[in-house]
N, C-alpha and C. Protein backbone atom coordinates (compact mmCIF):
# COMPACT_ATOMS: atom_id res chain seq x y z
N MET A 1 9.11 0.83 -22.09
CA MET A 1 8.25 0.95 -21.24
C MET A 1 8.67 1.57 -20.27
N GLU A 2 8.24 2.38 -18.74
CA GLU A 2 9.17 2.54 -17.90
C GLU A 2 7.95 2.03 -16.55
N ASN A 3 8.53 1.51 -15.36
CA ASN A 3 8.46 1.05 -14.58
C ASN A 3 7.25 1.62 -13.95
N ASP A 4 7.10 2.92 -13.41
CA ASP A 4 5.62 4.12 -13.35
C ASP A 4 4.69 3.84 -14.44
N ASP A 5 4.68 3.27 -15.96
CA ASP A 5 3.71 2.92 -16.28
C ASP A 5 2.80 1.42 -16.55
N LYS A 6 4.20 0.46 -15.55
CA LYS A 6 4.07 -1.08 -16.32
C LYS A 6 3.20 -0.82 -14.36
N ILE A 7 3.65 -0.11 -13.28
CA ILE A 7 2.45 -0.51 -11.96
C ILE A 7 1.08 0.50 -12.18
N LYS A 8 0.88 1.72 -13.20
CA LYS A 8 -0.45 2.22 -13.58
C LYS A 8 -0.93 0.59 -14.36
N ILE A 9 -0.38 0.36 -15.01
CA ILE A 9 -1.09 -0.55 -15.95
C ILE A 9 -1.82 -1.50 -14.43
N LEU A 10 -0.74 -2.27 -14.14
CA LEU A 10 -1.17 -3.46 -13.25
C LEU A 10 -2.12 -2.80 -11.73
N SER A 11 -2.30 -1.85 -11.32
CA SER A 11 -2.91 -0.72 -10.50
C SER A 11 -4.32 -1.07 -11.22
N ASN A 12 -4.28 -0.43 -12.28
CA ASN A 12 -5.74 0.05 -13.05
C ASN A 12 -6.78 -1.76 -13.37
N GLU A 13 -5.34 -2.54 -13.79
CA GLU A 13 -6.33 -4.15 -13.39
C GLU A 13 -7.25 -4.16 -12.42
N LEU A 14 -6.29 -4.23 -11.50
CA LEU A 14 -6.67 -4.29 -10.02
C LEU A 14 -8.23 -3.69 -9.88
N LEU A 15 -8.54 -2.31 -10.28
CA LEU A 15 -9.03 -1.27 -10.49
C LEU A 15 -10.43 -1.69 -10.82
N LYS A 16 -10.08 -2.75 -11.51
CA LYS A 16 -11.72 -2.94 -12.87
C LYS A 16 -11.70 -4.71 -12.29
N GLY A 17 -11.02 -4.88 -11.45
CA GLY A 17 -11.54 -6.14 -10.53
C GLY A 17 -11.17 -7.23 -10.46
N ALA A 18 -9.73 -7.00 -11.81
CA ALA A 18 -9.42 -8.74 -11.63
C ALA A 18 -8.38 -8.93 -10.39
N LYS A 19 -8.04 -10.00 -11.07
CA LYS A 19 -7.59 -10.48 -9.73
C LYS A 19 -5.67 -11.02 -9.63
N MET A 20 -5.18 -10.27 -8.88
CA MET A 20 -3.62 -10.86 -9.38
C MET A 20 -3.17 -12.51 -8.61
N LEU A 21 -2.91 -13.25 -9.40
CA LEU A 21 -2.23 -14.36 -9.26
C LEU A 21 -1.20 -14.76 -8.67
N SER A 22 -0.63 -15.32 -8.22
CA SER A 22 0.52 -15.84 -7.46
C SER A 22 1.97 -16.08 -8.72
N ASN A 23 1.00 -16.21 -9.88
CA ASN A 23 2.08 -16.71 -11.09
C ASN A 23 2.40 -15.55 -12.40
N HIS A 24 3.61 -15.76 -12.34
CA HIS A 24 4.38 -14.82 -12.96
C HIS A 24 4.26 -15.26 -14.84
N CYS A 25 4.38 -13.88 -15.53
CA CYS A 25 4.61 -13.96 -17.11
C CYS A 25 5.45 -14.68 -17.36
N PRO A 26 5.78 -15.73 -18.30
CA PRO A 26 6.72 -16.05 -18.89
C PRO A 26 7.93 -15.29 -19.42
N LYS A 27 7.30 -14.17 -19.69
CA LYS A 27 8.16 -13.67 -21.03
C LYS A 27 8.79 -12.25 -20.01
N CYS A 28 7.48 -11.57 -19.47
CA CYS A 28 8.01 -9.90 -18.94
C CYS A 28 8.38 -10.29 -17.33
N GLY A 29 8.16 -11.37 -16.78
CA GLY A 29 8.22 -11.47 -15.60
C GLY A 29 7.00 -10.91 -14.35
N TYR A 30 6.34 -10.31 -15.07
CA TYR A 30 5.24 -9.42 -14.20
C TYR A 30 4.22 -10.38 -13.91
N PRO A 31 3.47 -10.40 -12.57
CA PRO A 31 1.93 -10.77 -12.07
C PRO A 31 1.14 -11.24 -13.46
N LEU A 32 0.66 -12.08 -12.93
CA LEU A 32 -0.55 -12.92 -14.22
C LEU A 32 -1.80 -12.57 -13.67
N PHE A 33 -2.75 -11.90 -14.47
CA PHE A 33 -3.91 -11.74 -13.28
C PHE A 33 -5.11 -12.41 -14.26
N GLU A 34 -6.17 -12.45 -13.73
CA GLU A 34 -7.56 -13.33 -14.05
C GLU A 34 -8.51 -12.50 -14.05
N LYS A 35 -9.19 -12.21 -15.22
CA LYS A 35 -10.64 -11.45 -14.99
C LYS A 35 -11.64 -12.31 -15.79
N ASP A 36 -12.79 -12.88 -15.74
CA ASP A 36 -13.79 -13.23 -15.96
C ASP A 36 -13.74 -14.83 -17.12
N GLY A 37 -12.47 -15.34 -16.43
CA GLY A 37 -11.96 -16.74 -16.73
C GLY A 37 -10.85 -16.81 -17.28
N GLU A 38 -10.52 -15.38 -17.68
CA GLU A 38 -9.40 -15.50 -18.69
C GLU A 38 -8.20 -14.89 -17.44
N ILE A 39 -7.11 -15.68 -18.36
CA ILE A 39 -5.53 -15.70 -17.54
C ILE A 39 -4.78 -15.09 -18.13
N TYR A 40 -4.35 -13.60 -18.15
CA TYR A 40 -3.26 -12.42 -18.58
C TYR A 40 -2.32 -12.25 -18.05
N CYS A 41 -1.80 -11.58 -19.12
CA CYS A 41 -0.48 -10.78 -18.26
C CYS A 41 -0.81 -9.11 -19.04
N PRO A 42 -0.99 -8.35 -18.19
CA PRO A 42 -1.44 -7.06 -18.80
C PRO A 42 -0.39 -5.97 -19.63
N ILE A 43 1.27 -6.48 -19.29
CA ILE A 43 2.15 -5.73 -19.41
C ILE A 43 2.16 -5.93 -21.16
N CYS A 44 2.63 -7.08 -21.49
CA CYS A 44 3.21 -7.77 -22.42
C CYS A 44 1.38 -8.78 -23.39
N LYS A 45 0.65 -8.07 -23.10
CA LYS A 45 -1.22 -8.58 -22.92
C LYS A 45 -0.49 -9.86 -23.92
N ARG A 46 -0.28 -11.14 -23.24
CA ARG A 46 -0.54 -12.68 -23.27
C ARG A 46 -1.36 -12.79 -22.92
N PHE A 47 -2.23 -14.05 -23.45
CA PHE A 47 -3.56 -14.21 -23.00
C PHE A 47 -3.18 -16.07 -22.64
N LYS A 48 -3.17 -16.38 -21.72
CA LYS A 48 -3.24 -17.62 -21.48
C LYS A 48 -4.48 -18.63 -21.28
N ASN A 49 -5.40 -19.43 -22.46
CA ASN A 49 -6.24 -19.00 -22.15
C ASN A 49 -6.87 -20.89 -22.35
N ASN A 50 -5.32 -21.70 -22.06
CA ASN A 50 -5.81 -23.23 -22.10
C ASN A 50 -6.30 -23.48 -20.77
N GLU A 51 -7.13 -24.73 -20.45
CA GLU A 51 -7.83 -25.11 -19.09
C GLU A 51 -7.32 -25.92 -18.04
N GLU A 52 -5.88 -25.91 -18.61
CA GLU A 52 -4.59 -26.86 -17.58
C GLU A 52 -3.82 -25.84 -17.49
N GLY A 53 -3.81 -23.97 -17.51
CA GLY A 53 -3.11 -23.16 -16.70
C GLY A 53 -4.01 -23.10 -15.62
N LYS A 54 -5.42 -22.88 -16.25
CA LYS A 54 -6.17 -22.65 -14.75
C LYS A 54 -6.16 -23.40 -13.87
N LYS A 55 -6.87 -24.93 -14.33
CA LYS A 55 -6.72 -25.69 -13.79
C LYS A 55 -5.51 -25.89 -12.67
N ASN A 56 -3.89 -25.50 -13.04
CA ASN A 56 -2.90 -25.81 -12.64
C ASN A 56 -2.82 -24.18 -11.36
N ILE A 57 -3.60 -23.08 -11.54
CA ILE A 57 -3.25 -22.17 -10.55
C ILE A 57 -4.24 -22.23 -9.71
N GLU A 58 -5.69 -23.29 -9.88
CA GLU A 58 -6.67 -23.41 -8.65
C GLU A 58 -6.62 -24.31 -8.03
N ASP A 59 -5.50 -25.47 -8.27
CA ASP A 59 -4.92 -26.64 -7.72
C ASP A 59 -4.22 -25.32 -6.64
N LYS A 60 -2.98 -25.05 -6.98
CA LYS A 60 -2.14 -24.52 -6.31
C LYS A 60 -2.93 -23.31 -5.02
N LYS A 61 -4.17 -23.18 -5.46
CA LYS A 61 -4.60 -22.21 -4.30
C LYS A 61 -5.33 -23.06 -3.27
N HIS A 62 -5.92 -24.14 -3.96
CA HIS A 62 -6.81 -24.79 -2.86
C HIS A 62 -6.10 -25.75 -1.96
N LYS A 63 -4.51 -25.66 -2.24
CA LYS A 63 -3.49 -26.75 -1.43
C LYS A 63 -3.12 -25.67 -0.94
N LYS A 64 -3.23 -24.16 -0.66
CA LYS A 64 -2.59 -23.32 0.06
C LYS A 64 -3.66 -23.20 1.30
N TYR A 65 -4.42 -22.70 0.62
CA TYR A 65 -6.05 -22.04 1.38
C TYR A 65 -6.99 -22.68 1.12
N LYS A 66 -8.04 -23.60 2.42
CA LYS A 66 -8.79 -24.28 1.90
C LYS A 66 -10.20 -23.76 2.15
N ASP A 67 -10.07 -22.36 2.55
CA ASP A 67 -11.51 -21.61 2.08
C ASP A 67 -10.72 -20.42 2.13
N ASN A 68 -12.06 -19.39 1.39
CA ASN A 68 -11.90 -18.35 1.36
C ASN A 68 -11.77 -17.78 2.47
N ALA A 69 -11.66 -17.97 3.99
CA ALA A 69 -11.76 -17.28 4.65
C ALA A 69 -10.33 -17.52 5.38
N GLN A 70 -9.61 -17.64 5.26
CA GLN A 70 -7.83 -18.12 5.68
C GLN A 70 -7.05 -17.25 4.71
N MET A 71 -7.56 -16.98 3.33
CA MET A 71 -7.06 -15.97 2.71
C MET A 71 -6.44 -14.34 3.22
N PRO A 72 -5.39 -14.47 3.33
CA PRO A 72 -5.29 -12.96 3.47
C PRO A 72 -5.65 -12.02 2.69
N ASP A 73 -6.04 -11.25 3.12
CA ASP A 73 -5.95 -9.95 1.95
C ASP A 73 -4.75 -9.23 1.39
N LEU A 74 -5.19 -8.17 0.01
CA LEU A 74 -4.04 -7.97 -0.61
C LEU A 74 -3.54 -6.58 -0.10
N GLU A 75 -3.98 -5.79 0.88
CA GLU A 75 -3.30 -4.87 1.70
C GLU A 75 -2.87 -5.61 2.74
N ASN A 76 -2.45 -6.68 3.25
CA ASN A 76 -1.83 -7.34 4.19
C ASN A 76 -0.44 -7.88 3.40
N ILE A 77 -1.15 -8.35 2.39
CA ILE A 77 0.21 -9.45 1.39
C ILE A 77 1.21 -7.68 1.19
N LEU A 78 0.91 -7.25 0.46
CA LEU A 78 1.54 -6.12 0.24
C LEU A 78 2.23 -5.53 0.94
N VAL A 79 1.99 -5.30 2.80
CA VAL A 79 2.38 -5.10 3.73
C VAL A 79 3.98 -5.48 4.14
N GLU A 80 3.77 -7.07 4.08
CA GLU A 80 4.49 -8.48 4.76
C GLU A 80 5.18 -7.99 3.47
N LYS A 81 5.39 -8.24 2.63
CA LYS A 81 6.57 -8.15 1.16
C LYS A 81 7.36 -7.12 1.44
N ILE A 82 6.50 -5.65 1.70
CA ILE A 82 7.24 -4.39 1.55
C ILE A 82 8.49 -4.53 2.73
N ASN A 83 7.82 -5.15 4.11
CA ASN A 83 8.52 -5.41 5.33
C ASN A 83 9.82 -6.00 4.65
N TYR A 84 8.96 -7.68 4.21
CA TYR A 84 10.42 -8.11 4.15
C TYR A 84 11.58 -7.52 3.03
N LEU A 85 11.56 -6.89 2.28
CA LEU A 85 11.92 -6.76 1.09
C LEU A 85 12.79 -5.33 1.80
N SER A 86 12.42 -4.88 2.99
CA SER A 86 12.98 -3.61 3.59
C SER A 86 13.69 -4.43 4.37
N PHE A 87 13.98 -5.27 5.09
CA PHE A 87 15.34 -5.92 5.72
C PHE A 87 15.96 -6.42 4.49
N LYS A 88 15.48 -7.04 3.53
CA LYS A 88 17.03 -7.51 2.63
C LYS A 88 17.60 -6.47 1.60
N LEU A 89 16.72 -5.04 1.42
CA LEU A 89 17.44 -3.72 1.61
C LEU A 89 18.40 -4.10 2.33
N LYS A 90 18.07 -3.65 3.03
CA LYS A 90 19.14 -3.33 4.57
C LYS A 90 20.51 -4.23 4.39
N GLU A 91 20.73 -5.38 4.07
CA GLU A 91 21.04 -6.71 4.47
C GLU A 91 21.93 -6.34 3.09
N GLU A 92 21.74 -5.69 1.93
CA GLU A 92 22.14 -6.43 0.74
C GLU A 92 23.45 -5.46 0.63
N GLU A 93 24.73 -5.45 -0.45
CA GLU A 93 25.48 -4.86 -0.14
C GLU A 93 25.57 -4.48 -1.98
N GLU A 94 25.11 -5.17 -2.83
CA GLU A 94 25.61 -5.28 -4.65
C GLU A 94 24.70 -4.15 -5.08
N VAL A 95 25.13 -3.27 -5.62
CA VAL A 95 24.43 -2.49 -6.20
C VAL A 95 23.50 -2.67 -6.59
N GLY A 96 23.48 -3.87 -7.73
CA GLY A 96 22.16 -4.20 -8.71
C GLY A 96 21.12 -4.52 -8.41
N ARG A 97 21.68 -5.50 -7.16
CA ARG A 97 20.31 -6.10 -6.22
C ARG A 97 19.91 -4.89 -5.33
N ILE A 98 20.58 -3.95 -4.67
CA ILE A 98 19.83 -3.05 -3.91
C ILE A 98 19.25 -2.46 -5.04
N LYS A 99 19.25 -1.78 -6.04
CA LYS A 99 18.08 -1.36 -6.96
C LYS A 99 17.06 -2.05 -7.31
N GLU A 100 17.34 -3.43 -7.76
CA GLU A 100 16.48 -4.14 -7.93
C GLU A 100 15.23 -4.31 -6.71
N ILE A 101 16.14 -4.41 -5.73
CA ILE A 101 15.16 -4.64 -3.87
C ILE A 101 14.32 -3.18 -4.22
N ALA A 102 15.11 -2.28 -4.39
CA ALA A 102 14.36 -0.93 -4.12
C ALA A 102 13.15 -0.35 -5.08
N GLU A 103 13.51 -0.75 -6.65
CA GLU A 103 11.95 -0.89 -7.55
C GLU A 103 11.00 -1.83 -7.54
N ALA A 104 11.22 -2.93 -6.36
CA ALA A 104 10.37 -3.96 -6.27
C ALA A 104 9.82 -3.02 -4.83
N ILE A 105 9.71 -2.82 -4.21
CA ILE A 105 9.27 -1.65 -2.43
C ILE A 105 8.82 -0.73 -3.45
N TYR A 106 9.16 -0.20 -4.02
CA TYR A 106 8.83 1.17 -4.96
C TYR A 106 7.55 0.75 -5.85
N MET A 107 7.42 -0.35 -6.53
CA MET A 107 6.26 -0.37 -6.64
C MET A 107 5.13 -1.13 -5.99
N LEU A 108 5.62 -1.89 -4.74
CA LEU A 108 4.92 -2.33 -4.01
C LEU A 108 4.05 -1.52 -3.11
N VAL A 109 5.20 -0.06 -2.76
CA VAL A 109 4.61 0.67 -2.23
C VAL A 109 3.16 1.25 -3.20
N LYS A 110 3.55 1.92 -4.16
CA LYS A 110 2.41 2.64 -5.49
C LYS A 110 1.13 1.51 -5.44
N VAL A 111 1.18 0.28 -5.76
CA VAL A 111 0.18 -0.47 -6.00
C VAL A 111 -0.66 -0.29 -4.48
N LEU A 112 0.26 -0.34 -3.44
CA LEU A 112 -0.56 -0.10 -1.98
C LEU A 112 -1.52 0.87 -1.82
N LYS A 113 -0.75 2.46 -2.67
CA LYS A 113 -2.02 3.31 -2.23
C LYS A 113 -2.61 3.69 -3.39
N LYS A 114 -2.71 2.76 -4.15
CA LYS A 114 -3.85 2.55 -4.86
C LYS A 114 -5.02 1.91 -4.55
N ILE A 115 -4.85 0.85 -3.59
CA ILE A 115 -5.87 -0.10 -3.25
C ILE A 115 -6.39 0.54 -2.04
N LYS A 116 -5.73 1.58 -1.45
CA LYS A 116 -6.25 2.19 -0.27
C LYS A 116 -7.28 2.93 -0.39
């Protein structure tokens, strides 16, 4: 599966109302999503149904943000990450890392365009 296909899958999950989590799939490395109380990876179709996993994610959210008013919106997060990666790209000299960073920027830009 190509990166464009994976980006489409991730974008479609957001459009369907799923919430992208800060945790990543241990198998493929893409972000986990949550919808209707289910935590899952849309790329490799793995579901994390245990309550302990949900509790750990909720604990992390509550430590970082005391209430929803403090939570940044997805658009701002994506723009911040794109800017951060742009600076990293400028400094990077290793070809493999340049490709990796460029692919990440490309994916973030595509997701940003989808949500606008």
